[in-house]
Structure formats: C-alpha cells, structure tokens
Protein backbone atom coordinates (compact mmCIF):
# COMPACT_ATOMS: atom_id res chain seq x y z
CA UNK A 1 7.95 21.45 -145.50
CA UNK A 2 4.40 20.86 -144.01
CA UNK A 3 4.10 19.32 -140.83
CA UNK A 4 1.03 16.91 -140.39
CA UNK A 5 -0.21 16.47 -136.68
CA UNK A 6 -2.33 13.03 -136.17
CA UNK A 7 -4.35 13.41 -132.88
CA UNK A 8 -5.43 10.12 -131.34
CA UNK A 9 -8.66 10.13 -129.55
CA UNK A 10 -8.92 7.28 -127.07
CA UNK A 11 -12.66 6.74 -126.19
CA UNK A 12 -13.33 4.63 -123.15
CA UNK A 13 -15.71 2.34 -122.95
CA UNK A 14 -18.20 4.57 -120.93
CA UNK A 15 -18.78 7.08 -123.53
CA UNK A 16 -20.66 4.52 -125.57
CA UNK A 17 -22.52 3.06 -122.67
CA UNK A 18 -25.65 5.38 -121.80
CA UNK A 19 -29.27 5.23 -121.02
CA UNK A 20 -32.67 6.61 -121.83
CA UNK A 21 -34.83 8.52 -119.33
CA UNK A 22 -38.33 6.09 -119.45
CA UNK A 23 -40.25 9.66 -119.37
CA UNK A 24 -38.68 11.29 -122.50
CA UNK A 25 -40.13 11.19 -125.47
CA UNK A 26 -38.11 8.14 -126.78
CA UNK A 27 -38.84 6.73 -123.80
CA UNK A 28 -42.46 6.74 -124.04
CA UNK A 29 -42.17 5.20 -127.44
CA UNK A 30 -40.27 2.66 -126.06
CA UNK A 31 -42.68 1.13 -123.44
CA UNK A 32 -45.50 1.32 -125.68
CA UNK A 33 -43.82 -1.51 -127.89
CA UNK A 34 -42.34 -3.31 -125.25
CA UNK A 35 -42.73 -6.43 -122.81
CA UNK A 36 -43.82 -5.13 -119.78
CA UNK A 37 -45.93 -7.79 -118.16
CA UNK A 38 -43.71 -7.15 -114.86
CA UNK A 39 -44.16 -3.79 -114.57
CA UNK A 40 -47.43 -3.24 -113.50
CA UNK A 41 -46.82 -5.44 -110.43
CA UNK A 42 -43.52 -3.44 -109.57
CA UNK A 43 -44.96 -0.19 -110.07
CA UNK A 44 -48.41 -0.59 -108.26
CA UNK A 45 -45.60 -1.14 -105.34
CA UNK A 46 -42.90 1.04 -106.28
CA UNK A 47 -41.18 3.09 -103.38
CA UNK A 48 -38.32 4.71 -103.73
CA UNK A 49 -35.50 4.35 -101.34
CA UNK A 50 -35.69 6.53 -98.32
CA UNK A 51 -31.55 7.27 -98.05
CA UNK A 52 -28.72 6.56 -100.11
CA UNK A 53 -27.76 3.27 -98.71
CA UNK A 54 -30.64 1.19 -98.76
CA UNK A 55 -31.21 0.13 -102.51
CA UNK A 56 -30.92 -3.36 -101.89
CA UNK A 57 -33.72 -3.64 -98.83
CA UNK A 58 -35.81 -1.23 -101.02
CA UNK A 59 -36.14 -4.11 -104.20
CA UNK A 60 -36.58 -6.32 -101.50
CA UNK A 61 -39.46 -4.25 -100.17
CA UNK A 62 -41.27 -3.73 -103.86
CA UNK A 63 -40.56 -7.38 -104.98
CA UNK A 64 -42.21 -9.16 -101.79
CA UNK A 65 -45.00 -6.86 -101.75
CA UNK A 66 -45.52 -7.61 -105.80
CA UNK A 67 -45.51 -11.10 -104.80
CA UNK A 68 -47.67 -11.31 -101.80
CA UNK A 69 -49.74 -8.24 -101.20
CA UNK A 70 -52.79 -9.32 -102.94
CA UNK A 71 -52.74 -12.72 -100.95
CA UNK A 72 -53.07 -11.01 -97.71
CA UNK A 73 -50.56 -13.29 -96.23
CA UNK A 74 -47.69 -10.92 -95.31
CA UNK A 75 -46.95 -10.43 -91.39
CA UNK A 76 -44.85 -7.61 -91.37
CA UNK A 77 -46.43 -4.12 -90.56
CA UNK A 78 -45.25 -0.79 -91.63
CA UNK A 79 -43.37 1.34 -88.97
CA UNK A 80 -45.13 4.32 -86.87
CA UNK A 81 -42.98 6.62 -84.74
CA UNK A 82 -44.62 5.80 -81.32
CA UNK A 83 -46.29 8.99 -80.39
CA UNK A 84 -49.68 8.14 -81.75
CA UNK A 85 -52.56 6.50 -78.91
CA UNK A 86 -55.66 4.93 -80.41
CA UNK A 87 -58.29 3.44 -78.43
CA UNK A 88 -59.23 0.09 -78.74
CA UNK A 89 -58.26 -2.33 -81.04
CA UNK A 90 -57.77 0.09 -84.04
CA UNK A 91 -54.28 -0.29 -85.49
CA UNK A 92 -53.67 1.69 -88.34
CA UNK A 93 -50.69 0.05 -89.64
CA UNK A 94 -50.50 -1.65 -93.00
CA UNK A 95 -49.68 -5.18 -93.70
CA UNK A 96 -46.57 -4.50 -96.15
CA UNK A 97 -42.85 -5.08 -96.61
CA UNK A 98 -40.41 -1.66 -96.54
CA UNK A 99 -37.09 -1.26 -96.41
CA UNK A 100 -36.79 -1.38 -92.82
CA UNK A 101 -39.01 -4.29 -91.83
CA UNK A 102 -37.95 -7.13 -94.69
CA UNK A 103 -34.35 -7.39 -92.24
CA UNK A 104 -35.62 -8.18 -88.87
CA UNK A 105 -34.59 -10.97 -86.48
CA UNK A 106 -35.50 -13.77 -88.47
CA UNK A 107 -32.32 -13.14 -91.27
CA UNK A 108 -30.30 -10.30 -89.46
CA UNK A 109 -27.57 -12.76 -89.25
CA UNK A 110 -26.84 -12.61 -92.93
CA UNK A 111 -26.10 -9.14 -92.60
CA UNK A 112 -27.40 -6.61 -89.72
CA UNK A 113 -28.53 -3.08 -89.89
CA UNK A 114 -25.18 -1.83 -88.17
CA UNK A 115 -23.16 -3.49 -90.85
CA UNK A 116 -25.16 -2.51 -93.83
CA UNK A 117 -24.66 0.74 -92.13
CA UNK A 118 -21.08 0.53 -92.04
CA UNK A 119 -19.99 -0.93 -88.76
CA UNK A 120 -16.33 -2.39 -89.48
CA UNK A 121 -15.81 -5.93 -89.16
CA UNK A 122 -11.95 -6.82 -89.19
CA UNK A 123 -11.48 -2.99 -90.00
CA UNK A 124 -13.09 -2.91 -92.98
CA UNK A 125 -17.21 -1.45 -93.77
CA UNK A 126 -19.36 -3.52 -96.51
CA UNK A 127 -22.02 -0.54 -96.93
CA UNK A 128 -25.29 -1.40 -98.03
CA UNK A 129 -25.40 -5.26 -99.61
CA UNK A 130 -23.61 -7.63 -101.75
CA UNK A 131 -25.66 -10.00 -104.42
CA UNK A 132 -24.95 -12.89 -102.50
CA UNK A 133 -26.17 -11.26 -99.38
CA UNK A 134 -29.24 -9.95 -101.14
CA UNK A 135 -29.85 -13.34 -102.50
CA UNK A 136 -29.59 -15.15 -99.12
CA UNK A 137 -32.19 -12.41 -97.58
CA UNK A 138 -34.72 -13.27 -100.24
CA UNK A 139 -34.34 -17.04 -99.00
CA UNK A 140 -35.10 -16.65 -95.67
CA UNK A 141 -38.61 -15.25 -97.36
CA UNK A 142 -40.93 -18.16 -99.11
CA UNK A 143 -39.69 -17.63 -102.43
CA UNK A 144 -36.64 -19.23 -104.80
CA UNK A 145 -33.96 -17.16 -105.59
CA UNK A 146 -31.67 -17.98 -108.06
CA UNK A 147 -28.29 -16.06 -108.31
CA UNK A 148 -26.40 -15.58 -111.64
CA UNK A 149 -22.87 -13.92 -111.14
CA UNK A 150 -21.75 -12.20 -114.55
CA UNK A 151 -18.00 -13.27 -115.00
CA UNK A 152 -17.58 -13.61 -118.75
CA UNK A 153 -19.53 -10.53 -119.86
CA UNK A 154 -19.20 -11.79 -123.89
CA UNK A 155 -20.87 -15.42 -122.37
CA UNK A 156 -23.25 -14.28 -120.30
CA UNK A 157 -24.75 -12.14 -122.02
CA UNK A 158 -27.22 -14.05 -124.06
CA UNK A 159 -28.18 -16.09 -121.30
CA UNK A 160 -29.16 -13.18 -119.51
CA UNK A 161 -31.23 -11.38 -122.18
CA UNK A 162 -33.39 -15.13 -122.34
CA UNK A 163 -33.39 -15.02 -118.76
CA UNK A 164 -34.60 -11.56 -118.23
CA UNK A 165 -37.31 -11.80 -121.60
CA UNK A 166 -38.44 -15.03 -120.35
CA UNK A 167 -39.45 -13.26 -116.58
CA UNK A 168 -40.88 -10.62 -118.15
CA UNK A 169 -43.18 -12.71 -120.14
CA UNK A 170 -44.41 -14.69 -117.22
CA UNK A 171 -46.13 -13.61 -113.84
CA UNK A 172 -44.51 -14.07 -110.33
CA UNK A 173 -40.89 -14.16 -110.97
CA UNK A 174 -38.66 -10.65 -111.02
CA UNK A 175 -35.62 -9.77 -112.02
CA UNK A 176 -33.34 -7.61 -110.12
CA UNK A 177 -29.90 -6.24 -110.66
CA UNK A 178 -26.73 -5.27 -109.08
CA UNK A 179 -24.90 -3.07 -111.49
CA UNK A 180 -22.25 -0.25 -111.08
CA UNK A 181 -23.58 2.76 -112.27
CA UNK A 182 -20.65 4.11 -113.21
CA UNK A 183 -20.18 1.61 -115.98
CA UNK A 184 -23.82 3.04 -117.36
CA UNK A 185 -22.23 6.88 -117.36
CA UNK A 186 -24.13 7.59 -114.07
CA UNK A 187 -22.55 9.25 -110.75
CA UNK A 188 -21.87 6.37 -108.33
CA UNK A 189 -20.77 2.57 -107.57
CA UNK A 190 -22.78 -0.40 -107.00
CA UNK A 191 -26.81 0.19 -107.45
CA UNK A 192 -29.44 -2.67 -107.12
CA UNK A 193 -32.76 -2.40 -108.65
CA UNK A 194 -35.21 -4.45 -110.48
CA UNK A 195 -36.00 -4.45 -114.32
CA UNK A 196 -39.50 -3.71 -115.19
CA UNK A 197 -39.38 -4.30 -119.10
CA UNK A 198 -37.68 -5.19 -122.73
CA UNK A 199 -37.58 -3.15 -125.82
CA UNK A 200 -36.56 -5.56 -128.68
CA UNK A 201 -35.89 -2.61 -131.47
CA UNK A 202 -33.29 -1.21 -129.13
CA UNK A 203 -32.40 -4.03 -127.18
CA UNK A 204 -32.90 -2.13 -123.66
CA UNK A 205 -34.24 -3.10 -120.23
CA UNK A 206 -35.62 -0.63 -118.21
CA UNK A 207 -34.37 -0.71 -115.33
CA UNK A 208 -36.40 1.03 -112.45
CA UNK A 209 -34.21 2.58 -110.38
CA UNK A 210 -35.21 2.65 -106.78
CA UNK A 211 -33.46 5.88 -106.21
CA UNK A 212 -35.12 8.11 -109.07
CA UNK A 213 -34.83 11.56 -106.69
CA UNK A 214 -30.90 10.73 -108.52
CA UNK A 215 -31.85 9.04 -111.81
CA UNK A 216 -34.82 8.35 -113.37
CA UNK A 217 -36.29 5.03 -114.66
CA UNK A 218 -33.75 4.13 -117.09
CA UNK A 219 -33.84 2.17 -120.62
CA UNK A 220 -30.32 0.55 -120.87
CA UNK A 221 -28.98 -1.55 -123.45
CA UNK A 222 -28.75 -4.99 -122.89
CA UNK A 223 -24.57 -5.19 -123.66
CA UNK A 224 -24.18 -2.03 -121.05
CA UNK A 225 -26.08 -3.53 -118.39
CA UNK A 226 -24.42 -7.02 -118.72
CA UNK A 227 -20.93 -5.07 -118.42
CA UNK A 228 -21.94 -3.13 -115.65
CA UNK A 229 -22.86 -6.21 -113.68
CA UNK A 230 -19.52 -7.86 -114.63
CA UNK A 231 -17.79 -5.41 -112.13
CA UNK A 232 -16.14 -7.12 -109.06
CA UNK A 233 -18.04 -6.16 -105.51
CA UNK A 234 -15.66 -6.96 -102.19
CA UNK A 235 -16.08 -10.77 -102.57
CA UNK A 236 -16.77 -11.49 -106.36
CA UNK A 237 -18.83 -9.81 -109.65
CA UNK A 238 -21.74 -8.37 -109.78
CA UNK A 239 -25.09 -10.02 -111.33
CA UNK A 240 -28.54 -10.57 -111.17
CA UNK A 241 -31.42 -12.63 -109.28
CA UNK A 242 -34.31 -14.39 -110.37
CA UNK A 243 -37.22 -14.52 -107.87
CA UNK A 244 -40.37 -16.61 -108.06
CA UNK A 245 -43.07 -17.61 -105.59
CA UNK A 246 -42.83 -21.07 -103.95
C-alpha cells in the first residue's frame, strides 16, 4: 500500500510583492522607456534623510525645493552649527529647505519635533509623520495638497494610476506616497518618499526612496504599491498626496 503525502504550501501575498533596484540592468532598461518628467527635478534636489525617523520632512524638503528653488523665493536657510564667525555681512548659508527647517515656528502646531521624535501624548508615541499630518504641513506652505487615503485597494488602484501618471507627465506637481515597507518585501514599517517615474511595460512606479542607505531607489509594481498604501497607520490608512504649486 502506497501512502501519498500531499503537501500544501501556502504562500503569503508578500512573497509575490517585490521591487527592482533602479540601478540594476533591468532597472535601467525600465527607466529608459519610462515616463519620467518629474525625475529630473526631484533628482536635482534629492537628499537622503539624516536619520531613520525623518522620511516625511526629508520628502517635504525635496518637493518644496523642486517647486520653488528656481524662483528664488525661499526664505528658509540651511543650518550651521554656530562655531563659525564671518566678518561683515557675509552669510554662507543657502536659501533652501532641509529636513530640519521645513517644520518651524509657523507650523509646529501641526506636529512638533518632540512628538515626531517620540514624545508621548496621553501615554502613546506617534513617531514620524502620518499621511494627514504631512498633508497639513505641506498646506502651511504656498502649495496645494490633495490627499488620497487608500481605503479599497481594488477600487482605488485605477484612480491612483491615473493620478500618478498624469502628475508624472506634467510639470510643477509631484506625488508623494506613504506606504508600508513590509508589503513590498522590505524590512521596516511605514515610509514616505516621492514617486519619480512610471514604466508602462511592467506597470511599475519608481519610488525615490529617501533612505538610500537602507534601500535603493526602487521600481515597485502598481498593485504592490497600492496594497502597501492600503495599510492602517494609527488613525487611518496610508495613501498618497499630490502637491501642486498655487
């Protein structure tokens, strides 16, 4: 008598979710054929987040610089540590947004640095920025921010693709995503970064990861990216913002 063993292998959905390093051979091929109008503006102002918490403020600084740097209307200046002394009126600091000055006295009521870095409110910490907090911080500047909370993955994916592709085809607007890393086979929880390109052939978006010391800029399939945005974060699901110059 033969015994037949039936082995059931249950794959989690995360196994199917993956990303492609934009600097790989395949990633470069995807970029060459992609819709990438926003890539060059974002890349010109890209900076890596200085610590593991400020992906939101870092993304803000990149987008705001991309929108306003060429107009020379930025009042914020880069920080110096105070040990330097310069004669006369010479000021070596630059007019630009940074992860440290996008949140300041005019908008810290939305979320202060102390709370971003883990100060407990009613016994709970709320590290970093949630999508709606990021939305309100953008609105404290001279931009329009439209917020999209992903509530229904199957329903919202087509709208997301239409919106994102339209943004990438235009100038003076950018799209920022708040997603959960674990849903795209990366270690970590919530993360915020801008989208820079779209490859129609693979239906993938180039996420310009602001923490490249941890993960490269990555091509992520639309179905995986929307799933990673449709995850819960403290008060509501994650999602994306479309930032436009007023």
